[in-house]
Amino acid sequence: MMIYQPSVNSTDRVVWHGGESTYLHYEKFINDMWLERDVQTLGSGLPRSMSEMHAEMVEYYQLSQVLEQERNKQLM
């Protein structure tokens, strides 16, 4: 498992479960547990290196932040 979480106290993160998985999971910490909010497929398959995987995770995290803001606006 590989986790991208921008800070220790962050309440959201991106997780890759490892192995041959081609999915990134965006999760939020709610009520003392991590809940999956969204999933994205790695479009071009598994990255060739950990630095490429990290870059994919950061990019997906940033996209997920925008999507969360849009969801929150719709709820208002």
Protein backbone atom coordinates (compact mmCIF):
# COMPACT_ATOMS: atom_id res chain seq x y z
CA MET A 1 0.00 0.00 0.00
CA MET A 2 1.20 3.48 -0.86
CA ILE A 3 -0.44 6.59 0.61
CA TYR A 4 -0.21 10.21 -0.45
CA GLN A 5 -1.34 12.47 2.40
CA PRO A 6 -0.08 16.06 2.18
CA SER A 7 0.28 16.47 5.95
CA VAL A 8 0.08 14.29 9.03
CA ASN A 9 -3.12 16.00 10.18
CA SER A 10 -4.79 15.94 6.77
CA THR A 11 -8.30 14.48 6.73
CA ASP A 12 -8.02 13.23 3.16
CA ARG A 13 -5.58 11.11 1.22
CA VAL A 14 -5.00 9.07 -1.93
CA VAL A 15 -4.27 5.35 -1.57
CA TRP A 16 -2.91 2.77 -3.99
CA HIS A 17 -3.35 -0.76 -2.64
CA GLY A 18 -0.34 -2.20 -4.44
CA GLY A 19 0.26 -5.27 -6.54
CA GLU A 20 -1.31 -5.16 -9.96
CA SER A 21 -4.05 -2.73 -8.90
CA THR A 22 -4.62 0.07 -11.39
CA TYR A 23 -6.89 2.06 -9.08
CA LEU A 24 -6.25 5.11 -6.93
CA HIS A 25 -8.68 5.68 -4.07
CA TYR A 26 -9.52 9.12 -2.65
CA GLU A 27 -10.47 8.80 1.02
CA LYS A 28 -11.66 11.16 3.75
CA PHE A 29 -11.33 10.62 7.50
CA ILE A 30 -14.89 10.84 8.88
CA ASN A 31 -16.16 9.54 12.23
CA ASP A 32 -12.82 7.91 13.13
CA MET A 33 -12.48 5.92 9.89
CA TRP A 34 -11.25 6.38 6.35
CA LEU A 35 -14.14 6.40 3.89
CA GLU A 36 -13.70 6.08 0.14
CA ARG A 37 -15.08 9.12 -1.71
CA ASP A 38 -13.90 8.44 -5.25
CA VAL A 39 -11.86 6.01 -7.36
CA GLN A 40 -9.80 6.64 -10.47
CA THR A 41 -8.23 4.16 -12.86
CA LEU A 42 -4.61 4.74 -13.83
CA GLY A 43 -5.27 5.51 -17.50
CA SER A 44 -1.97 4.31 -18.92
CA GLY A 45 -1.55 1.36 -16.56
CA LEU A 46 0.90 1.06 -13.72
CA PRO A 47 3.59 3.74 -13.59
CA ARG A 48 7.13 2.46 -14.19
CA SER A 49 8.63 3.95 -11.03
CA MET A 50 7.65 5.09 -7.56
CA SER A 51 8.30 8.72 -8.53
CA GLU A 52 5.82 8.36 -11.41
CA MET A 53 3.29 6.77 -9.03
CA HIS A 54 3.80 9.62 -6.57
CA ALA A 55 3.19 12.16 -9.35
CA GLU A 56 -0.03 10.34 -10.35
CA MET A 57 -1.21 10.35 -6.73
CA VAL A 58 -0.48 14.07 -6.26
CA GLU A 59 -2.31 14.90 -9.49
CA TYR A 60 -5.32 12.80 -8.48
CA TYR A 61 -5.32 14.38 -5.01
CA GLN A 62 -5.46 17.85 -6.54
CA LEU A 63 -8.28 16.83 -8.89
CA SER A 64 -10.17 15.30 -5.97
CA GLN A 65 -9.88 18.55 -4.02
CA VAL A 66 -11.55 20.41 -6.89
CA LEU A 67 -14.30 17.78 -7.14
CA GLU A 68 -14.93 17.96 -3.38
CA GLN A 69 -15.29 21.75 -3.58
CA GLU A 70 -17.79 21.38 -6.43
CA ARG A 71 -19.78 18.79 -4.45
CA ASN A 72 -19.88 21.10 -1.43
CA LYS A 73 -21.11 24.02 -3.58
CA GLN A 74 -23.93 21.86 -4.94
CA LEU A 75 -25.02 21.02 -1.39
CA MET A 76 -25.34 24.67 -0.43
